Structure formats: C-alpha cells, structure tokens
Amino acid sequence: HPSHPIPPHSAMDAPVLELQDPQRRTARSALEVLREQRRGWLVPTFAGLAGFIIGWDIGYIGSLIELESFKDDVNMGKPLSGDQSGLLVGIQSAGSVFASLPFVVGALMDKLGRRGLFVLCGLICVVASVIQATSRNIPQLLLGRLILGFPTGALVVCPVYQSEVAPKEARGAMMAMFPTLLALGIFSATACVFAVKDVAHGWTYA
C-alpha cells in the first residue's frame, strides 16, 4: 500500500541476504569437517573396507592357481587345465551377479538394514574362506568361490551407506574410499600371494 512502504531490508529478508552474500558465507573443506566429526569419518571408512574385501577376492585367485603349493594340495601336483582355471576365476562372479540383483540385495536391505547386511556378508566371507583354505580338491574350492561371490555382490550397497552417514561436506571424499580400498585390496592380495609362493601350503594363507 502506498501509505505503508515496505523497508528495503526487513528482518525477514536478513537471513536470505546473509545466505546470498558470498563475503559472509564460509565453505569448509572435507578435511575440516572430518576433524570435527570423528564419527563422521570412522563409520564410512570402516564401511569402505568392503571395497578392500572385494579387491582382495578379485586379486588373489589369478596368481594363486599358479603356485606349486596350490597344485600339490588341490590338483595332485598337476597344472590346472584351461577350463579349470577359467571356472575357478569366474565362478565367483556368478554368485556376485545373483547377490547384486535388485530383488535379492534390496530385499535383504529392507529386512536386515544396511549394517545387518554388512554383518551377514562378513560371516559368509569367513565361511567361504574356511571352505577354500581347507580344500584338497577342485569341487570344494569351486563351492567356496561360489559362496564367496554372494557377499562381494551384496556389498555393492556400501557406497550407498557411506553417502547416507557421511557429513554432506565430506560425502564425496568418503565415497571415494570405496574404489581406493578396492584397488588397495587387489594390490595387497597379489603381494600376499607373492610373499607365500615358496612356503609349504602357502596358498592357504592367501
């Protein structure tokens, strides 16, 4: 109304102007936020260890099947055929594909929650590792590899969980932990196989 002019800067406008003023707005880096909120980086980092597990499972098998201790214990000292090698390497992917299907991993997340699913995957990893380490024949090793595919496929939810619990200022940095630890897992597994190549039954340590 002309007789009641609105002030150019009313109290209601002040917060908006403050948010729009680049001189008064301060942006904090991801490192600063994580220093203040320890839980904000601990939880996503530990969740990101799923990437390390997946990387380890990807990295060890290719070099493991060439170890003399592996051939002696599992295949009576004979080299593996091309079909055997390909099946040992690829069968884990079959389990991973099944576990990562939306109606499988989605149903498990709804029932168990993110953390519950992580715990289940960890337990299955332990069982699959025991089956593989105690193998003295190809079929048992194939079974362990197939079972191991389930947790590595279901753990695709890890980046989702990281994005949900990480502080928004550090979300990108936290989600980058997954591929970083995955690559580290591949390298570590290969290094472990190399370290035990001359050890009796050394393949079981990898």
C-alpha atoms as a PDB file:
ATOM      1  CA  HIS A   1       0.000   0.000   0.000  1.00  0.00           C
ATOM      2  CA  PRO A   2       1.484   3.420  -0.855  1.00  0.00           C
ATOM      3  CA  SER A   3       0.914   4.764   2.675  1.00  0.00           C
ATOM      4  CA  HIS A   4       2.859   1.842   4.210  1.00  0.00           C
ATOM      5  CA  PRO A   5       6.019   1.334   2.141  1.00  0.00           C
ATOM      6  CA  ILE A   6       7.962  -1.884   2.822  1.00  0.00           C
ATOM      7  CA  PRO A   7      11.514  -1.274   4.076  1.00  0.00           C
ATOM      8  CA  PRO A   8      14.116  -2.410   1.584  1.00  0.00           C
ATOM      9  CA  HIS A   9      15.832  -4.615   4.173  1.00  0.00           C
ATOM     10  CA  SER A  10      13.273  -6.014   6.579  1.00  0.00           C
ATOM     11  CA  ALA A  11      14.060  -8.521   9.298  1.00  0.00           C
ATOM     12  CA  MET A  12      12.531 -11.264   7.186  1.00  0.00           C
ATOM     13  CA  ASP A  13      14.920 -10.502   4.344  1.00  0.00           C
ATOM     14  CA  ALA A  14      18.045 -10.552   6.506  1.00  0.00           C
ATOM     15  CA  PRO A  15      18.662 -14.325   6.564  1.00  0.00           C
ATOM     16  CA  VAL A  16      18.184 -14.551   2.810  1.00  0.00           C
ATOM     17  CA  LEU A  17      20.620 -11.737   2.206  1.00  0.00           C
ATOM     18  CA  GLU A  18      23.092 -13.339   4.560  1.00  0.00           C
ATOM     19  CA  LEU A  19      22.946 -16.640   2.701  1.00  0.00           C
ATOM     20  CA  GLN A  20      23.320 -14.907  -0.618  1.00  0.00           C
ATOM     21  CA  ASP A  21      26.275 -12.791   0.462  1.00  0.00           C
ATOM     22  CA  PRO A  22      29.481 -14.562  -0.684  1.00  0.00           C
ATOM     23  CA  GLN A  23      31.557 -12.460   1.710  1.00  0.00           C
ATOM     24  CA  ARG A  24      29.685 -13.810   4.741  1.00  0.00           C
ATOM     25  CA  ARG A  25      29.293 -17.392   3.579  1.00  0.00           C
ATOM     26  CA  THR A  26      32.157 -19.699   4.629  1.00  0.00           C
ATOM     27  CA  ALA A  27      32.734 -23.071   2.976  1.00  0.00           C
ATOM     28  CA  ARG A  28      34.520 -25.705   4.995  1.00  0.00           C
ATOM     29  CA  SER A  29      36.665 -28.358   3.397  1.00  0.00           C
ATOM     30  CA  ALA A  30      36.009 -32.053   3.830  1.00  0.00           C
ATOM     31  CA  LEU A  31      39.148 -32.378   5.966  1.00  0.00           C
ATOM     32  CA  GLU A  32      37.975 -29.688   8.375  1.00  0.00           C
ATOM     33  CA  VAL A  33      34.591 -31.338   8.770  1.00  0.00           C
ATOM     34  CA  LEU A  34      36.104 -34.770   9.389  1.00  0.00           C
ATOM     35  CA  ARG A  35      38.440 -33.353  12.011  1.00  0.00           C
ATOM     36  CA  GLU A  36      35.457 -32.026  13.916  1.00  0.00           C
ATOM     37  CA  GLN A  37      33.244 -35.076  13.496  1.00  0.00           C
ATOM     38  CA  ARG A  38      35.278 -38.194  14.186  1.00  0.00           C
ATOM     39  CA  ARG A  39      32.271 -40.448  13.864  1.00  0.00           C
ATOM     40  CA  GLY A  40      31.636 -38.815  10.512  1.00  0.00           C
ATOM     41  CA  TRP A  41      34.753 -40.438   9.038  1.00  0.00           C
ATOM     42  CA  LEU A  42      35.118 -43.555  11.183  1.00  0.00           C
ATOM     43  CA  VAL A  43      31.813 -45.129  10.156  1.00  0.00           C
ATOM     44  CA  PRO A  44      32.146 -44.524   6.381  1.00  0.00           C
ATOM     45  CA  THR A  45      35.800 -45.617   6.451  1.00  0.00           C
ATOM     46  CA  PHE A  46      35.030 -48.909   8.135  1.00  0.00           C
ATOM     47  CA  ALA A  47      32.143 -49.407   5.729  1.00  0.00           C
ATOM     48  CA  GLY A  48      34.565 -48.723   2.896  1.00  0.00           C
ATOM     49  CA  LEU A  49      36.602 -51.770   3.978  1.00  0.00           C
ATOM     50  CA  ALA A  50      34.054 -53.718   1.961  1.00  0.00           C
ATOM     51  CA  GLY A  51      35.911 -52.399  -1.073  1.00  0.00           C
ATOM     52  CA  PHE A  52      39.137 -53.892   0.296  1.00  0.00           C
ATOM     53  CA  ILE A  53      37.451 -57.287   0.742  1.00  0.00           C
ATOM     54  CA  ILE A  54      36.122 -57.234  -2.819  1.00  0.00           C
ATOM     55  CA  GLY A  55      39.514 -56.163  -4.143  1.00  0.00           C
ATOM     56  CA  TRP A  56      41.260 -58.960  -2.228  1.00  0.00           C
ATOM     57  CA  ASP A  57      38.874 -61.555  -3.635  1.00  0.00           C
ATOM     58  CA  ILE A  58      39.479 -60.242  -7.132  1.00  0.00           C
ATOM     59  CA  GLY A  59      43.246 -60.035  -6.764  1.00  0.00           C
ATOM     60  CA  TYR A  60      44.378 -63.307  -5.257  1.00  0.00           C
ATOM     61  CA  ILE A  61      42.903 -66.060  -7.392  1.00  0.00           C
ATOM     62  CA  GLY A  62      44.642 -65.322 -10.702  1.00  0.00           C
ATOM     63  CA  SER A  63      48.147 -65.716  -9.280  1.00  0.00           C
ATOM     64  CA  LEU A  64      47.167 -68.277  -6.632  1.00  0.00           C
ATOM     65  CA  ILE A  65      46.322 -71.021  -9.124  1.00  0.00           C
ATOM     66  CA  GLU A  66      49.904 -70.898 -10.447  1.00  0.00           C
ATOM     67  CA  LEU A  67      51.541 -71.649  -7.084  1.00  0.00           C
ATOM     68  CA  GLU A  68      53.226 -75.029  -6.779  1.00  0.00           C
ATOM     69  CA  SER A  69      51.788 -75.494  -3.285  1.00  0.00           C
ATOM     70  CA  PHE A  70      48.308 -74.970  -4.692  1.00  0.00           C
ATOM     71  CA  LYS A  71      48.791 -77.543  -7.447  1.00  0.00           C
ATOM     72  CA  ASP A  72      50.216 -80.063  -4.978  1.00  0.00           C
ATOM     73  CA  ASP A  73      47.409 -79.700  -2.444  1.00  0.00           C
ATOM     74  CA  VAL A  74      44.421 -79.287  -4.730  1.00  0.00           C
ATOM     75  CA  ASN A  75      45.231 -80.974  -8.034  1.00  0.00           C
ATOM     76  CA  MET A  76      47.729 -83.746  -7.110  1.00  0.00           C
ATOM     77  CA  GLY A  77      50.665 -81.701  -8.351  1.00  0.00           C
ATOM     78  CA  LYS A  78      49.313 -81.336 -11.883  1.00  0.00           C
ATOM     79  CA  PRO A  79      48.793 -77.979 -13.627  1.00  0.00           C
ATOM     80  CA  LEU A  80      45.182 -76.879 -13.955  1.00  0.00           C
ATOM     81  CA  SER A  81      43.574 -77.113 -17.347  1.00  0.00           C
ATOM     82  CA  GLY A  82      42.288 -74.002 -19.063  1.00  0.00           C
ATOM     83  CA  ASP A  83      38.709 -74.948 -18.205  1.00  0.00           C
ATOM     84  CA  GLN A  84      39.560 -75.471 -14.533  1.00  0.00           C
ATOM     85  CA  SER A  85      41.424 -72.166 -14.295  1.00  0.00           C
ATOM     86  CA  GLY A  86      38.659 -70.243 -16.019  1.00  0.00           C
ATOM     87  CA  LEU A  87      35.977 -71.808 -13.858  1.00  0.00           C
ATOM     88  CA  LEU A  88      37.858 -71.105 -10.626  1.00  0.00           C
ATOM     89  CA  VAL A  89      38.355 -67.471 -11.578  1.00  0.00           C
ATOM     90  CA  GLY A  90      34.892 -66.857 -12.995  1.00  0.00           C
ATOM     91  CA  ILE A  91      32.558 -68.792 -10.710  1.00  0.00           C
ATOM     92  CA  GLN A  92      32.723 -66.114  -8.028  1.00  0.00           C
ATOM     93  CA  SER A  93      31.183 -63.676 -10.484  1.00  0.00           C
ATOM     94  CA  ALA A  94      28.135 -65.931 -10.814  1.00  0.00           C
ATOM     95  CA  GLY A  95      27.481 -65.598  -7.082  1.00  0.00           C
ATOM     96  CA  SER A  96      28.118 -61.871  -7.246  1.00  0.00           C
ATOM     97  CA  VAL A  97      25.663 -61.347 -10.094  1.00  0.00           C
ATOM     98  CA  PHE A  98      22.931 -63.212  -8.228  1.00  0.00           C
ATOM     99  CA  ALA A  99      23.524 -61.340  -4.948  1.00  0.00           C
ATOM    100  CA  SER A 100      23.578 -57.918  -6.614  1.00  0.00           C
ATOM    101  CA  LEU A 101      20.191 -58.372  -8.289  1.00  0.00           C
ATOM    102  CA  PRO A 102      17.764 -55.701  -7.016  1.00  0.00           C
ATOM    103  CA  PHE A 103      15.188 -58.185  -5.750  1.00  0.00           C
ATOM    104  CA  VAL A 104      17.910 -60.023  -3.764  1.00  0.00           C
ATOM    105  CA  VAL A 105      20.046 -57.289  -2.234  1.00  0.00           C
ATOM    106  CA  GLY A 106      17.061 -54.940  -1.972  1.00  0.00           C
ATOM    107  CA  ALA A 107      15.019 -57.478  -0.021  1.00  0.00           C
ATOM    108  CA  LEU A 108      17.949 -58.166   2.313  1.00  0.00           C
ATOM    109  CA  MET A 109      18.481 -54.456   2.965  1.00  0.00           C
ATOM    110  CA  ASP A 110      14.809 -53.993   3.771  1.00  0.00           C
ATOM    111  CA  LYS A 111      14.829 -56.914   6.177  1.00  0.00           C
ATOM    112  CA  LEU A 112      18.259 -56.569   7.812  1.00  0.00           C
ATOM    113  CA  GLY A 113      19.161 -52.924   7.234  1.00  0.00           C
ATOM    114  CA  ARG A 114      22.498 -51.724   5.879  1.00  0.00           C
ATOM    115  CA  ARG A 115      24.588 -52.717   8.887  1.00  0.00           C
ATOM    116  CA  GLY A 116      22.822 -56.045   9.287  1.00  0.00           C
ATOM    117  CA  LEU A 117      23.624 -56.862   5.678  1.00  0.00           C
ATOM    118  CA  PHE A 118      27.292 -55.976   6.268  1.00  0.00           C
ATOM    119  CA  VAL A 119      27.439 -58.346   9.240  1.00  0.00           C
ATOM    120  CA  LEU A 120      25.848 -61.144   7.219  1.00  0.00           C
ATOM    121  CA  CYS A 121      28.310 -60.609   4.380  1.00  0.00           C
ATOM    122  CA  GLY A 122      31.225 -60.703   6.817  1.00  0.00           C
ATOM    123  CA  LEU A 123      30.068 -64.026   8.271  1.00  0.00           C
ATOM    124  CA  ILE A 124      29.620 -65.535   4.815  1.00  0.00           C
ATOM    125  CA  CYS A 125      33.134 -64.363   3.872  1.00  0.00           C
ATOM    126  CA  VAL A 126      34.531 -66.239   6.883  1.00  0.00           C
ATOM    127  CA  VAL A 127      32.662 -69.424   5.968  1.00  0.00           C
ATOM    128  CA  ALA A 128      33.730 -69.216   2.320  1.00  0.00           C
ATOM    129  CA  SER A 129      37.358 -68.584   3.309  1.00  0.00           C
ATOM    130  CA  VAL A 130      37.410 -71.656   5.574  1.00  0.00           C
ATOM    131  CA  ILE A 131      35.938 -73.817   2.811  1.00  0.00           C
ATOM    132  CA  GLN A 132      38.589 -72.635   0.370  1.00  0.00           C
ATOM    133  CA  ALA A 133      41.551 -72.870   2.752  1.00  0.00           C
ATOM    134  CA  THR A 134      40.681 -76.471   3.670  1.00  0.00           C
ATOM    135  CA  SER A 135      40.121 -77.553   0.076  1.00  0.00           C
ATOM    136  CA  ARG A 136      42.004 -80.570  -1.190  1.00  0.00           C
ATOM    137  CA  ASN A 137      40.110 -80.895  -4.441  1.00  0.00           C
ATOM    138  CA  ILE A 138      38.692 -78.661  -7.158  1.00  0.00           C
ATOM    139  CA  PRO A 139      34.965 -79.147  -6.410  1.00  0.00           C
ATOM    140  CA  GLN A 140      35.305 -77.968  -2.790  1.00  0.00           C
ATOM    141  CA  LEU A 141      37.302 -74.946  -3.913  1.00  0.00           C
ATOM    142  CA  LEU A 142      34.652 -74.128  -6.504  1.00  0.00           C
ATOM    143  CA  LEU A 143      31.987 -74.270  -3.817  1.00  0.00           C
ATOM    144  CA  GLY A 144      33.946 -71.843  -1.634  1.00  0.00           C
ATOM    145  CA  ARG A 145      34.433 -69.487  -4.556  1.00  0.00           C
ATOM    146  CA  LEU A 146      30.751 -69.581  -5.430  1.00  0.00           C
ATOM    147  CA  ILE A 147      29.711 -68.827  -1.845  1.00  0.00           C
ATOM    148  CA  LEU A 148      32.256 -66.016  -1.693  1.00  0.00           C
ATOM    149  CA  GLY A 149      30.550 -64.379  -4.649  1.00  0.00           C
ATOM    150  CA  PHE A 150      27.454 -63.655  -2.582  1.00  0.00           C
ATOM    151  CA  PRO A 151      28.985 -61.140  -0.125  1.00  0.00           C
ATOM    152  CA  THR A 152      31.121 -59.494  -2.786  1.00  0.00           C
ATOM    153  CA  GLY A 153      27.985 -58.926  -4.859  1.00  0.00           C
ATOM    154  CA  ALA A 154      25.790 -57.776  -1.977  1.00  0.00           C
ATOM    155  CA  LEU A 155      28.425 -55.306  -0.771  1.00  0.00           C
ATOM    156  CA  VAL A 156      27.604 -53.020  -3.686  1.00  0.00           C
ATOM    157  CA  VAL A 157      25.382 -51.245  -1.149  1.00  0.00           C
ATOM    158  CA  CYS A 158      28.464 -49.958   0.659  1.00  0.00           C
ATOM    159  CA  PRO A 159      28.726 -46.657  -1.285  1.00  0.00           C
ATOM    160  CA  VAL A 160      25.022 -46.089  -0.625  1.00  0.00           C
ATOM    161  CA  TYR A 161      25.547 -46.482   3.113  1.00  0.00           C
ATOM    162  CA  GLN A 162      28.616 -44.233   3.014  1.00  0.00           C
ATOM    163  CA  SER A 163      26.648 -41.463   1.308  1.00  0.00           C
ATOM    164  CA  GLU A 164      23.888 -41.764   3.899  1.00  0.00           C
ATOM    165  CA  VAL A 165      26.039 -41.492   7.030  1.00  0.00           C
ATOM    166  CA  ALA A 166      28.859 -39.194   5.881  1.00  0.00           C
ATOM    167  CA  PRO A 167      28.666 -35.447   6.583  1.00  0.00           C
ATOM    168  CA  LYS A 168      27.401 -33.703   3.472  1.00  0.00           C
ATOM    169  CA  GLU A 169      30.571 -31.598   3.175  1.00  0.00           C
ATOM    170  CA  ALA A 170      32.699 -34.773   3.087  1.00  0.00           C
ATOM    171  CA  ARG A 171      30.375 -37.073   1.180  1.00  0.00           C
ATOM    172  CA  GLY A 172      32.441 -37.166  -1.983  1.00  0.00           C
ATOM    173  CA  ALA A 173      35.673 -37.848  -0.107  1.00  0.00           C
ATOM    174  CA  MET A 174      34.080 -40.646   1.886  1.00  0.00           C
ATOM    175  CA  MET A 175      32.563 -42.344  -1.154  1.00  0.00           C
ATOM    176  CA  ALA A 176      35.980 -42.230  -2.834  1.00  0.00           C
ATOM    177  CA  MET A 177      37.234 -44.529  -0.066  1.00  0.00           C
ATOM    178  CA  PHE A 178      35.439 -47.481  -1.683  1.00  0.00           C
ATOM    179  CA  PRO A 179      37.321 -47.574  -5.030  1.00  0.00           C
ATOM    180  CA  THR A 180      40.563 -46.596  -3.283  1.00  0.00           C
ATOM    181  CA  LEU A 181      40.341 -49.510  -0.848  1.00  0.00           C
ATOM    182  CA  LEU A 182      39.215 -51.826  -3.646  1.00  0.00           C
ATOM    183  CA  ALA A 183      42.393 -51.065  -5.586  1.00  0.00           C
ATOM    184  CA  LEU A 184      44.437 -51.468  -2.393  1.00  0.00           C
ATOM    185  CA  GLY A 185      42.808 -54.862  -1.813  1.00  0.00           C
ATOM    186  CA  ILE A 186      43.801 -56.082  -5.282  1.00  0.00           C
ATOM    187  CA  PHE A 187      47.387 -54.962  -4.742  1.00  0.00           C
ATOM    188  CA  SER A 188      47.581 -56.444  -1.238  1.00  0.00           C
ATOM    189  CA  ALA A 189      46.240 -59.822  -2.371  1.00  0.00           C
ATOM    190  CA  THR A 190      48.770 -60.037  -5.180  1.00  0.00           C
ATOM    191  CA  ALA A 191      51.579 -59.067  -2.815  1.00  0.00           C
ATOM    192  CA  CYS A 192      50.425 -61.686  -0.291  1.00  0.00           C
ATOM    193  CA  VAL A 193      50.473 -64.455  -2.917  1.00  0.00           C
ATOM    194  CA  PHE A 194      53.968 -63.414  -3.952  1.00  0.00           C
ATOM    195  CA  ALA A 195      55.124 -63.469  -0.317  1.00  0.00           C
ATOM    196  CA  VAL A 196      53.962 -67.051   0.276  1.00  0.00           C
ATOM    197  CA  LYS A 197      54.909 -68.530  -3.103  1.00  0.00           C
ATOM    198  CA  ASP A 198      57.761 -70.617  -1.641  1.00  0.00           C
ATOM    199  CA  VAL A 199      56.011 -71.551   1.621  1.00  0.00           C
ATOM    200  CA  ALA A 200      54.656 -75.071   2.117  1.00  0.00           C
ATOM    201  CA  HIS A 201      50.856 -74.893   1.769  1.00  0.00           C
ATOM    202  CA  GLY A 202      51.373 -71.160   1.341  1.00  0.00           C
ATOM    203  CA  TRP A 203      48.356 -70.764  -0.890  1.00  0.00           C
ATOM    204  CA  THR A 204      46.066 -71.287   2.125  1.00  0.00           C
ATOM    205  CA  TYR A 205      47.354 -68.050   3.690  1.00  0.00           C
ATOM    206  CA  ALA A 206      46.180 -66.006   0.741  1.00  0.00           C
END
